[in-house]
PDB file of N, CA and C in Angstrom:
ATOM      1  N   GLN A   1      77.737 -27.539  -9.916  1.00  0.00           N
ATOM      2  CA  GLN A   1      77.763 -26.503  -8.880  1.00  0.00           C
ATOM      3  C   GLN A   1      78.475 -27.001  -7.639  1.00  0.00           C
ATOM      4  N   VAL A   2      79.164 -26.095  -6.995  1.00  0.00           N
ATOM      5  CA  VAL A   2      79.810 -26.369  -5.717  1.00  0.00           C
ATOM      6  C   VAL A   2      79.370 -25.290  -4.743  1.00  0.00           C
ATOM      7  N   GLN A   3      78.874 -25.711  -3.601  1.00  0.00           N
ATOM      8  CA  GLN A   3      78.518 -24.766  -2.555  1.00  0.00           C
ATOM      9  C   GLN A   3      79.600 -24.797  -1.486  1.00  0.00           C
ATOM     10  N   LEU A   4      80.038 -23.614  -1.080  1.00  0.00           N
ATOM     11  CA  LEU A   4      81.129 -23.496  -0.114  1.00  0.00           C
ATOM     12  C   LEU A   4      80.657 -22.647   1.066  1.00  0.00           C
ATOM     13  N   VAL A   5      80.914 -23.131   2.263  1.00  0.00           N
ATOM     14  CA  VAL A   5      80.516 -22.413   3.473  1.00  0.00           C
ATOM     15  C   VAL A   5      81.703 -22.334   4.412  1.00  0.00           C
ATOM     16  N   GLU A   6      82.151 -21.105   4.687  1.00  0.00           N
ATOM     17  CA  GLU A   6      83.275 -20.889   5.591  1.00  0.00           C
ATOM     18  C   GLU A   6      82.787 -20.749   7.028  1.00  0.00           C
ATOM     19  N   SER A   7      83.660 -21.082   7.954  1.00  0.00           N
ATOM     20  CA  SER A   7      83.382 -20.880   9.375  1.00  0.00           C
ATOM     21  C   SER A   7      84.704 -20.744  10.105  1.00  0.00           C
ATOM     22  N   GLY A   8      84.628 -20.296  11.362  1.00  0.00           N
ATOM     23  CA  GLY A   8      85.823 -20.239  12.194  1.00  0.00           C
ATOM     24  C   GLY A   8      86.412 -18.858  12.368  1.00  0.00           C
ATOM     25  N   GLY A   9      85.853 -17.862  11.707  1.00  0.00           N
ATOM     26  CA  GLY A   9      86.362 -16.513  11.895  1.00  0.00           C
ATOM     27  C   GLY A   9      86.012 -15.971  13.272  1.00  0.00           C
ATOM     28  N   GLY A  10      86.586 -14.814  13.590  1.00  0.00           N
ATOM     29  CA  GLY A  10      86.294 -14.204  14.874  1.00  0.00           C
ATOM     30  C   GLY A  10      87.291 -13.124  15.206  1.00  0.00           C
ATOM     31  N   LEU A  11      87.266 -12.721  16.474  1.00  0.00           N
ATOM     32  CA  LEU A  11      88.154 -11.684  16.986  1.00  0.00           C
ATOM     33  C   LEU A  11      89.255 -12.342  17.805  1.00  0.00           C
ATOM     34  N   VAL A  12      90.486 -11.974  17.526  1.00  0.00           N
ATOM     35  CA  VAL A  12      91.624 -12.553  18.230  1.00  0.00           C
ATOM     36  C   VAL A  12      92.676 -11.473  18.433  1.00  0.00           C
ATOM     37  N   GLN A  13      93.447 -11.604  19.488  1.00  0.00           N
ATOM     38  CA  GLN A  13      94.529 -10.656  19.732  1.00  0.00           C
ATOM     39  C   GLN A  13      95.730 -10.968  18.845  1.00  0.00           C
ATOM     40  N   ALA A  14      96.520  -9.960  18.586  1.00  0.00           N
ATOM     41  CA  ALA A  14      97.746 -10.164  17.816  1.00  0.00           C
ATOM     42  C   ALA A  14      98.603 -11.245  18.481  1.00  0.00           C
ATOM     43  N   GLY A  15      99.149 -12.104  17.646  1.00  0.00           N
ATOM     44  CA  GLY A  15      99.924 -13.227  18.141  1.00  0.00           C
ATOM     45  C   GLY A  15      99.120 -14.491  18.344  1.00  0.00           C
ATOM     46  N   GLY A  16      97.808 -14.365  18.279  1.00  0.00           N
ATOM     47  CA  GLY A  16      96.933 -15.512  18.481  1.00  0.00           C
ATOM     48  C   GLY A  16      96.741 -16.337  17.223  1.00  0.00           C
ATOM     49  N   SER A  17      95.859 -17.325  17.348  1.00  0.00           N
ATOM     50  CA  SER A  17      95.618 -18.263  16.257  1.00  0.00           C
ATOM     51  C   SER A  17      94.123 -18.431  16.006  1.00  0.00           C
ATOM     52  N   LEU A  18      93.805 -18.764  14.780  1.00  0.00           N
ATOM     53  CA  LEU A  18      92.457 -19.146  14.383  1.00  0.00           C
ATOM     54  C   LEU A  18      92.564 -20.240  13.334  1.00  0.00           C
ATOM     55  N   ARG A  19      91.535 -21.079  13.275  1.00  0.00           N
ATOM     56  CA  ARG A  19      91.458 -22.094  12.234  1.00  0.00           C
ATOM     57  C   ARG A  19      90.164 -21.907  11.463  1.00  0.00           C
ATOM     58  N   LEU A  20      90.290 -21.592  10.207  1.00  0.00           N
ATOM     59  CA  LEU A  20      89.127 -21.466   9.343  1.00  0.00           C
ATOM     60  C   LEU A  20      88.828 -22.802   8.676  1.00  0.00           C
ATOM     61  N   SER A  21      87.556 -23.061   8.482  1.00  0.00           N
ATOM     62  CA  SER A  21      87.113 -24.249   7.763  1.00  0.00           C
ATOM     63  C   SER A  21      86.223 -23.831   6.600  1.00  0.00           C
ATOM     64  N   CYS A  22      86.232 -24.626   5.569  1.00  0.00           N
ATOM     65  CA  CYS A  22      85.367 -24.392   4.418  1.00  0.00           C
ATOM     66  C   CYS A  22      84.785 -25.740   4.014  1.00  0.00           C
ATOM     67  N   ALA A  23      83.482 -25.886   4.216  1.00  0.00           N
ATOM     68  CA  ALA A  23      82.797 -27.130   3.886  1.00  0.00           C
ATOM     69  C   ALA A  23      82.186 -27.026   2.498  1.00  0.00           C
ATOM     70  N   ALA A  24      82.420 -28.047   1.683  1.00  0.00           N
ATOM     71  CA  ALA A  24      81.939 -28.052   0.307  1.00  0.00           C
ATOM     72  C   ALA A  24      80.855 -29.092   0.118  1.00  0.00           C
ATOM     73  N   SER A  25      79.946 -28.785  -0.771  1.00  0.00           N
ATOM     74  CA  SER A  25      78.915 -29.739  -1.166  1.00  0.00           C
ATOM     75  C   SER A  25      78.630 -29.547  -2.650  1.00  0.00           C
ATOM     76  N   GLY A  26      78.016 -30.553  -3.242  1.00  0.00           N
ATOM     77  CA  GLY A  26      77.723 -30.462  -4.666  1.00  0.00           C
ATOM     78  C   GLY A  26      78.628 -31.387  -5.451  1.00  0.00           C
ATOM     79  N   ARG A  27      79.346 -30.831  -6.377  1.00  0.00           N
ATOM     80  CA  ARG A  27      80.219 -31.641  -7.209  1.00  0.00           C
ATOM     81  C   ARG A  27      81.381 -32.225  -6.415  1.00  0.00           C
ATOM     82  N   THR A  28      82.068 -33.190  -7.001  1.00  0.00           N
ATOM     83  CA  THR A  28      83.117 -33.923  -6.295  1.00  0.00           C
ATOM     84  C   THR A  28      84.220 -32.984  -5.837  1.00  0.00           C
ATOM     85  N   PHE A  29      84.368 -32.875  -4.531  1.00  0.00           N
ATOM     86  CA  PHE A  29      85.315 -31.943  -3.915  1.00  0.00           C
ATOM     87  C   PHE A  29      86.739 -32.207  -4.371  1.00  0.00           C
ATOM     88  N   SER A  30      87.104 -33.466  -4.468  1.00  0.00           N
ATOM     89  CA  SER A  30      88.488 -33.810  -4.784  1.00  0.00           C
ATOM     90  C   SER A  30      88.866 -33.485  -6.235  1.00  0.00           C
ATOM     91  N   ASN A  31      87.922 -33.029  -7.024  1.00  0.00           N
ATOM     92  CA  ASN A  31      88.226 -32.616  -8.393  1.00  0.00           C
ATOM     93  C   ASN A  31      88.786 -31.198  -8.479  1.00  0.00           C
ATOM     94  N   PHE A  32      88.759 -30.484  -7.352  1.00  0.00           N
ATOM     95  CA  PHE A  32      89.109 -29.069  -7.364  1.00  0.00           C
ATOM     96  C   PHE A  32      90.301 -28.764  -6.479  1.00  0.00           C
ATOM     97  N   GLY A  33      91.236 -27.973  -7.044  1.00  0.00           N
ATOM     98  CA  GLY A  33      92.160 -27.285  -6.164  1.00  0.00           C
ATOM     99  C   GLY A  33      91.354 -26.275  -5.365  1.00  0.00           C
ATOM    100  N   MET A  34      91.793 -25.981  -4.151  1.00  0.00           N
ATOM    101  CA  MET A  34      91.033 -25.082  -3.277  1.00  0.00           C
ATOM    102  C   MET A  34      91.931 -23.954  -2.787  1.00  0.00           C
ATOM    103  N   GLY A  35      91.389 -22.758  -2.808  1.00  0.00           N
ATOM    104  CA  GLY A  35      92.160 -21.601  -2.388  1.00  0.00           C
ATOM    105  C   GLY A  35      91.469 -20.805  -1.302  1.00  0.00           C
ATOM    106  N   TRP A  36      92.285 -20.017  -0.608  1.00  0.00           N
ATOM    107  CA  TRP A  36      91.785 -19.019   0.339  1.00  0.00           C
ATOM    108  C   TRP A  36      92.238 -17.642  -0.156  1.00  0.00           C
ATOM    109  N   PHE A  37      91.317 -16.706  -0.101  1.00  0.00           N
ATOM    110  CA  PHE A  37      91.579 -15.313  -0.421  1.00  0.00           C
ATOM    111  C   PHE A  37      91.102 -14.460   0.748  1.00  0.00           C
ATOM    112  N   ARG A  38      91.516 -13.206   0.743  1.00  0.00           N
ATOM    113  CA  ARG A  38      91.020 -12.303   1.775  1.00  0.00           C
ATOM    114  C   ARG A  38      90.846 -10.905   1.192  1.00  0.00           C
ATOM    115  N   GLN A  39      89.956 -10.164   1.826  1.00  0.00           N
ATOM    116  CA  GLN A  39      89.694  -8.801   1.377  1.00  0.00           C
ATOM    117  C   GLN A  39      89.516  -7.905   2.591  1.00  0.00           C
ATOM    118  N   ALA A  40      90.416  -6.945   2.713  1.00  0.00           N
ATOM    119  CA  ALA A  40      90.342  -5.960   3.781  1.00  0.00           C
ATOM    120  C   ALA A  40      89.527  -4.761   3.294  1.00  0.00           C
ATOM    121  N   PRO A  41      88.976  -3.978   4.214  1.00  0.00           N
ATOM    122  CA  PRO A  41      88.175  -2.822   3.818  1.00  0.00           C
ATOM    123  C   PRO A  41      88.960  -1.884   2.918  1.00  0.00           C
ATOM    124  N   GLY A  42      88.364  -1.516   1.790  1.00  0.00           N
ATOM    125  CA  GLY A  42      89.002  -0.584   0.880  1.00  0.00           C
ATOM    126  C   GLY A  42      90.099  -1.166   0.018  1.00  0.00           C
ATOM    127  N   LYS A  43      90.297  -2.465   0.117  1.00  0.00           N
ATOM    128  CA  LYS A  43      91.369  -3.116  -0.660  1.00  0.00           C
ATOM    129  C   LYS A  43      90.793  -4.187  -1.576  1.00  0.00           C
ATOM    130  N   GLU A  44      91.590  -4.570  -2.550  1.00  0.00           N
ATOM    131  CA  GLU A  44      91.176  -5.624  -3.454  1.00  0.00           C
ATOM    132  C   GLU A  44      91.317  -6.989  -2.774  1.00  0.00           C
ATOM    133  N   ARG A  45      90.553  -7.930  -3.279  1.00  0.00           N
ATOM    134  CA  ARG A  45      90.669  -9.293  -2.774  1.00  0.00           C
ATOM    135  C   ARG A  45      92.026  -9.847  -3.203  1.00  0.00           C
ATOM    136  N   GLU A  46      92.713 -10.504  -2.261  1.00  0.00           N
ATOM    137  CA  GLU A  46      94.054 -10.994  -2.550  1.00  0.00           C
ATOM    138  C   GLU A  46      94.201 -12.471  -2.218  1.00  0.00           C
ATOM    139  N   PHE A  47      95.082 -13.105  -2.953  1.00  0.00           N
ATOM    140  CA  PHE A  47      95.385 -14.509  -2.749  1.00  0.00           C
ATOM    141  C   PHE A  47      96.085 -14.724  -1.413  1.00  0.00           C
ATOM    142  N   VAL A  48      95.724 -15.805  -0.718  1.00  0.00           N
ATOM    143  CA  VAL A  48      96.357 -16.166   0.547  1.00  0.00           C
ATOM    144  C   VAL A  48      97.070 -17.517   0.430  1.00  0.00           C
ATOM    145  N   ALA A  49      96.341 -18.540   0.020  1.00  0.00           N
ATOM    146  CA  ALA A  49      96.916 -19.888  -0.031  1.00  0.00           C
ATOM    147  C   ALA A  49      96.086 -20.754  -0.958  1.00  0.00           C
ATOM    148  N   VAL A  50      96.719 -21.824  -1.443  1.00  0.00           N
ATOM    149  CA  VAL A  50      96.023 -22.765  -2.324  1.00  0.00           C
ATOM    150  C   VAL A  50      96.575 -24.156  -2.068  1.00  0.00           C
ATOM    151  N   ILE A  51      95.729 -25.161  -2.311  1.00  0.00           N
ATOM    152  CA  ILE A  51      96.142 -26.538  -2.152  1.00  0.00           C
ATOM    153  C   ILE A  51      95.621 -27.328  -3.349  1.00  0.00           C
ATOM    154  N   SER A  52      96.423 -28.252  -3.835  1.00  0.00           N
ATOM    155  CA  SER A  52      96.051 -29.041  -4.994  1.00  0.00           C
ATOM    156  C   SER A  52      94.958 -30.046  -4.657  1.00  0.00           C
ATOM    157  N   ARG A  53      94.424 -30.688  -5.668  1.00  0.00           N
ATOM    158  CA  ARG A  53      93.281 -31.585  -5.484  1.00  0.00           C
ATOM    159  C   ARG A  53      93.576 -32.696  -4.486  1.00  0.00           C
ATOM    160  N   GLY A  54      94.755 -33.278  -4.570  1.00  0.00           N
ATOM    161  CA  GLY A  54      95.107 -34.365  -3.668  1.00  0.00           C
ATOM    162  C   GLY A  54      95.755 -33.910  -2.384  1.00  0.00           C
ATOM    163  N   GLY A  55      96.058 -32.623  -2.286  1.00  0.00           N
ATOM    164  CA  GLY A  55      96.664 -32.080  -1.079  1.00  0.00           C
ATOM    165  C   GLY A  55      98.181 -32.119  -1.059  1.00  0.00           C
ATOM    166  N   GLY A  56      98.794 -32.606  -2.135  1.00  0.00           N
ATOM    167  CA  GLY A  56     100.243 -32.764  -2.111  1.00  0.00           C
ATOM    168  C   GLY A  56     101.028 -31.512  -2.419  1.00  0.00           C
ATOM    169  N   THR A  57     100.364 -30.496  -2.950  1.00  0.00           N
ATOM    170  CA  THR A  57     101.042 -29.253  -3.312  1.00  0.00           C
ATOM    171  C   THR A  57     100.304 -28.072  -2.706  1.00  0.00           C
ATOM    172  N   THR A  58     101.067 -27.172  -2.107  1.00  0.00           N
ATOM    173  CA  THR A  58     100.497 -25.957  -1.535  1.00  0.00           C
ATOM    174  C   THR A  58     101.345 -24.755  -1.951  1.00  0.00           C
ATOM    175  N   ASN A  59     100.703 -23.610  -1.970  1.00  0.00           N
ATOM    176  CA  ASN A  59     101.403 -22.358  -2.244  1.00  0.00           C
ATOM    177  C   ASN A  59     100.806 -21.276  -1.373  1.00  0.00           C
ATOM    178  N   TYR A  60     101.642 -20.295  -1.012  1.00  0.00           N
ATOM    179  CA  TYR A  60     101.223 -19.247  -0.094  1.00  0.00           C
ATOM    180  C   TYR A  60     101.655 -17.875  -0.605  1.00  0.00           C
ATOM    181  N   ALA A  61     100.884 -16.874  -0.204  1.00  0.00           N
ATOM    182  CA  ALA A  61     101.339 -15.510  -0.397  1.00  0.00           C
ATOM    183  C   ALA A  61     102.526 -15.269   0.522  1.00  0.00           C
ATOM    184  N   ASP A  62     103.445 -14.421   0.084  1.00  0.00           N
ATOM    185  CA  ASP A  62     104.632 -14.156   0.894  1.00  0.00           C
ATOM    186  C   ASP A  62     104.261 -13.600   2.266  1.00  0.00           C
ATOM    187  N   SER A  63     103.184 -12.857   2.336  1.00  0.00           N
ATOM    188  CA  SER A  63     102.791 -12.196   3.587  1.00  0.00           C
ATOM    189  C   SER A  63     102.342 -13.182   4.661  1.00  0.00           C
ATOM    190  N   VAL A  64     101.999 -14.403   4.288  1.00  0.00           N
ATOM    191  CA  VAL A  64     101.512 -15.375   5.277  1.00  0.00           C
ATOM    192  C   VAL A  64     102.412 -16.605   5.372  1.00  0.00           C
ATOM    193  N   LYS A  65     103.396 -16.686   4.526  1.00  0.00           N
ATOM    194  CA  LYS A  65     104.268 -17.861   4.502  1.00  0.00           C
ATOM    195  C   LYS A  65     104.939 -18.047   5.852  1.00  0.00           C
ATOM    196  N   GLY A  66     104.899 -19.266   6.361  1.00  0.00           N
ATOM    197  CA  GLY A  66     105.485 -19.559   7.661  1.00  0.00           C
ATOM    198  C   GLY A  66     104.546 -19.349   8.835  1.00  0.00           C
ATOM    199  N   ARG A  67     103.399 -18.682   8.583  1.00  0.00           N
ATOM    200  CA  ARG A  67     102.426 -18.454   9.660  1.00  0.00           C
ATOM    201  C   ARG A  67     101.110 -19.183   9.401  1.00  0.00           C
ATOM    202  N   PHE A  68     100.736 -19.315   8.157  1.00  0.00           N
ATOM    203  CA  PHE A  68      99.471 -19.958   7.786  1.00  0.00           C
ATOM    204  C   PHE A  68      99.758 -21.316   7.157  1.00  0.00           C
ATOM    205  N   THR A  69      98.826 -22.248   7.377  1.00  0.00           N
ATOM    206  CA  THR A  69      98.926 -23.570   6.766  1.00  0.00           C
ATOM    207  C   THR A  69      97.574 -23.974   6.193  1.00  0.00           C
ATOM    208  N   ILE A  70      97.571 -24.315   4.925  1.00  0.00           N
ATOM    209  CA  ILE A  70      96.358 -24.803   4.288  1.00  0.00           C
ATOM    210  C   ILE A  70      96.401 -26.322   4.239  1.00  0.00           C
ATOM    211  N   SER A  71      95.255 -26.938   4.460  1.00  0.00           N
ATOM    212  CA  SER A  71      95.160 -28.396   4.395  1.00  0.00           C
ATOM    213  C   SER A  71      93.751 -28.759   3.943  1.00  0.00           C
ATOM    214  N   ARG A  72      93.564 -30.021   3.626  1.00  0.00           N
ATOM    215  CA  ARG A  72      92.240 -30.456   3.200  1.00  0.00           C
ATOM    216  C   ARG A  72      92.013 -31.895   3.627  1.00  0.00           C
ATOM    217  N   ASP A  73      90.740 -32.221   3.789  1.00  0.00           N
ATOM    218  CA  ASP A  73      90.321 -33.582   4.094  1.00  0.00           C
ATOM    219  C   ASP A  73      89.265 -33.938   3.060  1.00  0.00           C
ATOM    220  N   ASN A  74      89.652 -34.680   2.042  1.00  0.00           N
ATOM    221  CA  ASN A  74      88.706 -34.976   0.963  1.00  0.00           C
ATOM    222  C   ASN A  74      87.579 -35.902   1.418  1.00  0.00           C
ATOM    223  N   ALA A  75      87.820 -36.680   2.449  1.00  0.00           N
ATOM    224  CA  ALA A  75      86.760 -37.536   2.979  1.00  0.00           C
ATOM    225  C   ALA A  75      85.663 -36.722   3.649  1.00  0.00           C
ATOM    226  N   LYS A  76      86.046 -35.536   4.143  1.00  0.00           N
ATOM    227  CA  LYS A  76      85.080 -34.662   4.821  1.00  0.00           C
ATOM    228  C   LYS A  76      84.671 -33.477   3.945  1.00  0.00           C
ATOM    229  N   ASN A  77      85.176 -33.441   2.710  1.00  0.00           N
ATOM    230  CA  ASN A  77      84.855 -32.332   1.794  1.00  0.00           C
ATOM    231  C   ASN A  77      85.137 -30.975   2.435  1.00  0.00           C
ATOM    232  N   THR A  78      86.274 -30.865   3.085  1.00  0.00           N
ATOM    233  CA  THR A  78      86.578 -29.652   3.837  1.00  0.00           C
ATOM    234  C   THR A  78      88.025 -29.231   3.592  1.00  0.00           C
ATOM    235  N   VAL A  79      88.207 -27.928   3.477  1.00  0.00           N
ATOM    236  CA  VAL A  79      89.541 -27.343   3.408  1.00  0.00           C
ATOM    237  C   VAL A  79      89.705 -26.423   4.617  1.00  0.00           C
ATOM    238  N   TYR A  80      90.909 -26.357   5.138  1.00  0.00           N
ATOM    239  CA  TYR A  80      91.195 -25.607   6.353  1.00  0.00           C
ATOM    240  C   TYR A  80      92.284 -24.560   6.099  1.00  0.00           C
ATOM    241  N   LEU A  81      92.269 -23.549   6.943  1.00  0.00           N
ATOM    242  CA  LEU A  81      93.356 -22.583   6.958  1.00  0.00           C
ATOM    243  C   LEU A  81      93.708 -22.329   8.418  1.00  0.00           C
ATOM    244  N   GLN A  82      94.836 -22.880   8.834  1.00  0.00           N
ATOM    245  CA  GLN A  82      95.346 -22.646  10.181  1.00  0.00           C
ATOM    246  C   GLN A  82      96.174 -21.380  10.155  1.00  0.00           C
ATOM    247  N   MET A  83      95.792 -20.419  10.980  1.00  0.00           N
ATOM    248  CA  MET A  83      96.450 -19.116  11.002  1.00  0.00           C
ATOM    249  C   MET A  83      97.084 -18.901  12.366  1.00  0.00           C
ATOM    250  N   ASN A  84      98.384 -18.811  12.393  1.00  0.00           N
ATOM    251  CA  ASN A  84      99.131 -18.586  13.631  1.00  0.00           C
ATOM    252  C   ASN A  84      99.844 -17.246  13.583  1.00  0.00           C
ATOM    253  N   SER A  85     100.280 -16.788  14.735  1.00  0.00           N
ATOM    254  CA  SER A  85     101.019 -15.520  14.826  1.00  0.00           C
ATOM    255  C   SER A  85     100.294 -14.410  14.072  1.00  0.00           C
ATOM    256  N   LEU A  86      99.027 -14.289  14.322  1.00  0.00           N
ATOM    257  CA  LEU A  86      98.212 -13.327  13.591  1.00  0.00           C
ATOM    258  C   LEU A  86      98.626 -11.892  13.884  1.00  0.00           C
ATOM    259  N   LYS A  87      98.500 -11.061  12.863  1.00  0.00           N
ATOM    260  CA  LYS A  87      98.862  -9.657  12.952  1.00  0.00           C
ATOM    261  C   LYS A  87      97.633  -8.807  12.627  1.00  0.00           C
ATOM    262  N   PRO A  88      97.595  -7.566  13.096  1.00  0.00           N
ATOM    263  CA  PRO A  88      96.459  -6.700  12.760  1.00  0.00           C
ATOM    264  C   PRO A  88      96.239  -6.575  11.258  1.00  0.00           C
ATOM    265  N   GLU A  89      97.299  -6.632  10.478  1.00  0.00           N
ATOM    266  CA  GLU A  89      97.153  -6.524   9.024  1.00  0.00           C
ATOM    267  C   GLU A  89      96.540  -7.767   8.396  1.00  0.00           C
ATOM    268  N   ASP A  90      96.327  -8.814   9.169  1.00  0.00           N
ATOM    269  CA  ASP A  90      95.607  -9.994   8.670  1.00  0.00           C
ATOM    270  C   ASP A  90      94.091  -9.799   8.746  1.00  0.00           C
ATOM    271  N   THR A  91      93.651  -8.712   9.351  1.00  0.00           N
ATOM    272  CA  THR A  91      92.226  -8.438   9.461  1.00  0.00           C
ATOM    273  C   THR A  91      91.592  -8.303   8.081  1.00  0.00           C
ATOM    274  N   ALA A  92      90.569  -9.104   7.839  1.00  0.00           N
ATOM    275  CA  ALA A  92      89.921  -9.125   6.521  1.00  0.00           C
ATOM    276  C   ALA A  92      88.756 -10.111   6.567  1.00  0.00           C
ATOM    277  N   VAL A  93      87.957 -10.082   5.519  1.00  0.00           N
ATOM    278  CA  VAL A  93      87.012 -11.158   5.272  1.00  0.00           C
ATOM    279  C   VAL A  93      87.755 -12.218   4.462  1.00  0.00           C
ATOM    280  N   TYR A  94      87.685 -13.448   4.938  1.00  0.00           N
ATOM    281  CA  TYR A  94      88.390 -14.561   4.293  1.00  0.00           C
ATOM    282  C   TYR A  94      87.386 -15.407   3.518  1.00  0.00           C
ATOM    283  N   TYR A  95      87.760 -15.715   2.271  1.00  0.00           N
ATOM    284  CA  TYR A  95      86.906 -16.482   1.379  1.00  0.00           C
ATOM    285  C   TYR A  95      87.622 -17.755   0.934  1.00  0.00           C
ATOM    286  N   CYS A  96      86.893 -18.849   0.879  1.00  0.00           N
ATOM    287  CA  CYS A  96      87.442 -20.017   0.198  1.00  0.00           C
ATOM    288  C   CYS A  96      86.839 -20.088  -1.197  1.00  0.00           C
ATOM    289  N   ALA A  97      87.565 -20.734  -2.086  1.00  0.00           N
ATOM    290  CA  ALA A  97      87.140 -20.788  -3.475  1.00  0.00           C
ATOM    291  C   ALA A  97      87.654 -22.063  -4.122  1.00  0.00           C
ATOM    292  N   ALA A  98      86.900 -22.545  -5.101  1.00  0.00           N
ATOM    293  CA  ALA A  98      87.271 -23.753  -5.841  1.00  0.00           C
ATOM    294  C   ALA A  98      87.891 -23.355  -7.173  1.00  0.00           C
ATOM    295  N   LEU A  99      89.073 -23.910  -7.436  1.00  0.00           N
ATOM    296  CA  LEU A  99      89.826 -23.564  -8.641  1.00  0.00           C
ATOM    297  C   LEU A  99      89.245 -24.288  -9.852  1.00  0.00           C
ATOM    298  N   SER A 100      88.849 -23.519 -10.850  1.00  0.00           N
ATOM    299  CA  SER A 100      88.224 -24.103 -12.033  1.00  0.00           C
ATOM    300  C   SER A 100      89.210 -24.318 -13.170  1.00  0.00           C
ATOM    301  N   SER A 101      90.413 -23.796 -13.028  1.00  0.00           N
ATOM    302  CA  SER A 101      91.404 -23.899 -14.098  1.00  0.00           C
ATOM    303  C   SER A 101      92.542 -24.808 -13.667  1.00  0.00           C
ATOM    304  N   ALA A 102      93.582 -24.860 -14.490  1.00  0.00           N
ATOM    305  CA  ALA A 102      94.782 -25.581 -14.105  1.00  0.00           C
ATOM    306  C   ALA A 102      95.377 -24.975 -12.842  1.00  0.00           C
ATOM    307  N   TYR A 103      96.080 -25.806 -12.075  1.00  0.00           N
ATOM    308  CA  TYR A 103      96.627 -25.358 -10.788  1.00  0.00           C
ATOM    309  C   TYR A 103      97.550 -24.154 -10.957  1.00  0.00           C
ATOM    310  N   SER A 104      98.234 -24.078 -12.089  1.00  0.00           N
ATOM    311  CA  SER A 104      99.204 -23.002 -12.307  1.00  0.00           C
ATOM    312  C   SER A 104      98.561 -21.618 -12.298  1.00  0.00           C
ATOM    313  N   GLY A 105      97.254 -21.563 -12.448  1.00  0.00           N
ATOM    314  CA  GLY A 105      96.552 -20.287 -12.441  1.00  0.00           C
ATOM    315  C   GLY A 105      96.037 -19.867 -11.088  1.00  0.00           C
ATOM    316  N   PHE A 106      96.587 -20.420 -10.023  1.00  0.00           N
ATOM    317  CA  PHE A 106      95.989 -20.264  -8.705  1.00  0.00           C
ATOM    318  C   PHE A 106      95.983 -18.854  -8.167  1.00  0.00           C
ATOM    319  N   ARG A 107      96.818 -17.960  -8.659  1.00  0.00           N
ATOM    320  CA  ARG A 107      96.867 -16.605  -8.095  1.00  0.00           C
ATOM    321  C   ARG A 107      95.770 -15.703  -8.635  1.00  0.00           C
ATOM    322  N   ARG A 108      95.109 -16.092  -9.687  1.00  0.00           N
ATOM    323  CA  ARG A 108      94.161 -15.208 -10.370  1.00  0.00           C
ATOM    324  C   ARG A 108      92.730 -15.512  -9.936  1.00  0.00           C
ATOM    325  N   LEU A 109      92.040 -14.480  -9.473  1.00  0.00           N
ATOM    326  CA  LEU A 109      90.667 -14.644  -8.977  1.00  0.00           C
ATOM    327  C   LEU A 109      89.761 -15.242 -10.050  1.00  0.00           C
ATOM    328  N   GLU A 110      89.952 -14.834 -11.281  1.00  0.00           N
ATOM    329  CA  GLU A 110      89.031 -15.258 -12.339  1.00  0.00           C
ATOM    330  C   GLU A 110      89.132 -16.747 -12.638  1.00  0.00           C
ATOM    331  N   ASN A 111      90.149 -17.398 -12.107  1.00  0.00           N
ATOM    332  CA  ASN A 111      90.288 -18.837 -12.318  1.00  0.00           C
ATOM    333  C   ASN A 111      89.531 -19.670 -11.288  1.00  0.00           C
ATOM    334  N   TYR A 112      88.861 -19.013 -10.374  1.00  0.00           N
ATOM    335  CA  TYR A 112      88.080 -19.700  -9.357  1.00  0.00           C
ATOM    336  C   TYR A 112      86.598 -19.574  -9.712  1.00  0.00           C
ATOM    337  N   GLY A 113      85.946 -20.706  -9.865  1.00  0.00           N
ATOM    338  CA  GLY A 113      84.570 -20.674 -10.343  1.00  0.00           C
ATOM    339  C   GLY A 113      83.523 -20.639  -9.261  1.00  0.00           C
ATOM    340  N   TYR A 114      83.921 -20.977  -8.048  1.00  0.00           N
ATOM    341  CA  TYR A 114      82.956 -21.053  -6.947  1.00  0.00           C
ATOM    342  C   TYR A 114      83.567 -20.406  -5.708  1.00  0.00           C
ATOM    343  N   TRP A 115      82.727 -19.640  -5.015  1.00  0.00           N
ATOM    344  CA  TRP A 115      83.179 -18.882  -3.847  1.00  0.00           C
ATOM    345  C   TRP A 115      82.214 -19.079  -2.684  1.00  0.00           C
ATOM    346  N   GLY A 116      82.782 -19.047  -1.475  1.00  0.00           N
ATOM    347  CA  GLY A 116      81.947 -19.009  -0.292  1.00  0.00           C
ATOM    348  C   GLY A 116      81.514 -17.580   0.008  1.00  0.00           C
ATOM    349  N   GLN A 117      80.766 -17.431   1.084  1.00  0.00           N
ATOM    350  CA  GLN A 117      80.216 -16.129   1.445  1.00  0.00           C
ATOM    351  C   GLN A 117      81.189 -15.301   2.270  1.00  0.00           C
ATOM    352  N   GLY A 118      82.231 -15.934   2.775  1.00  0.00           N
ATOM    353  CA  GLY A 118      83.241 -15.226   3.548  1.00  0.00           C
ATOM    354  C   GLY A 118      83.017 -15.312   5.044  1.00  0.00           C
ATOM    355  N   THR A 119      84.118 -15.196   5.791  1.00  0.00           N
ATOM    356  CA  THR A 119      84.065 -15.166   7.252  1.00  0.00           C
ATOM    357  C   THR A 119      85.030 -14.083   7.728  1.00  0.00           C
ATOM    358  N   GLN A 120      84.583 -13.294   8.686  1.00  0.00           N
ATOM    359  CA  GLN A 120      85.365 -12.143   9.151  1.00  0.00           C
ATOM    360  C   GLN A 120      86.428 -12.590  10.150  1.00  0.00           C
ATOM    361  N   VAL A 121      87.640 -12.120   9.934  1.00  0.00           N
ATOM    362  CA  VAL A 121      88.744 -12.301  10.882  1.00  0.00           C
ATOM    363  C   VAL A 121      89.218 -10.915  11.302  1.00  0.00           C
ATOM    364  N   THR A 122      89.200 -10.660  12.590  1.00  0.00           N
ATOM    365  CA  THR A 122      89.638  -9.380  13.116  1.00  0.00           C
ATOM    366  C   THR A 122      90.741  -9.625  14.141  1.00  0.00           C
ATOM    367  N   VAL A 123      91.887  -8.990  13.914  1.00  0.00           N
ATOM    368  CA  VAL A 123      93.035  -9.157  14.804  1.00  0.00           C
ATOM    369  C   VAL A 123      93.282  -7.815  15.488  1.00  0.00           C
ATOM    370  N   SER A 124      93.170  -7.798  16.794  1.00  0.00           N
ATOM    371  CA  SER A 124      93.364  -6.569  17.547  1.00  0.00           C
ATOM    372  C   SER A 124      94.813  -6.456  18.003  1.00  0.00           C
ATOM    373  N   SER A 125      95.274  -5.219  18.096  1.00  0.00           N
ATOM    374  CA  SER A 125      96.677  -4.984  18.487  1.00  0.00           C
ATOM    375  C   SER A 125      96.814  -4.819  19.984  1.00  0.00           C
TER     376      SER A 125
END
């Protein structure tokens, strides 16, 4: 089992920044690729970013590329999502998740075996 707890969400004006954190406990954190997803009201949960177990490989959704940065600190069992130049369309509940499959499956929700409870990000215009 892996327990994931997100923090760092909040209300920010368009153009602002937020840093989300996801603290993991339980099984060895460094064994898992880690992803961030988001879900806006009335929409499906969508992929945002993913980072490989060692942190050497990252991938992003086109909508956040160049604005968001995912990173991890395996010594602290934590994954981060730095969000810059935020837009109102970034408003959503953000979830971190542990990848249970091969890294190549990172875009598919069903490949993530563990999820946090989510943290709300609201971007005002």
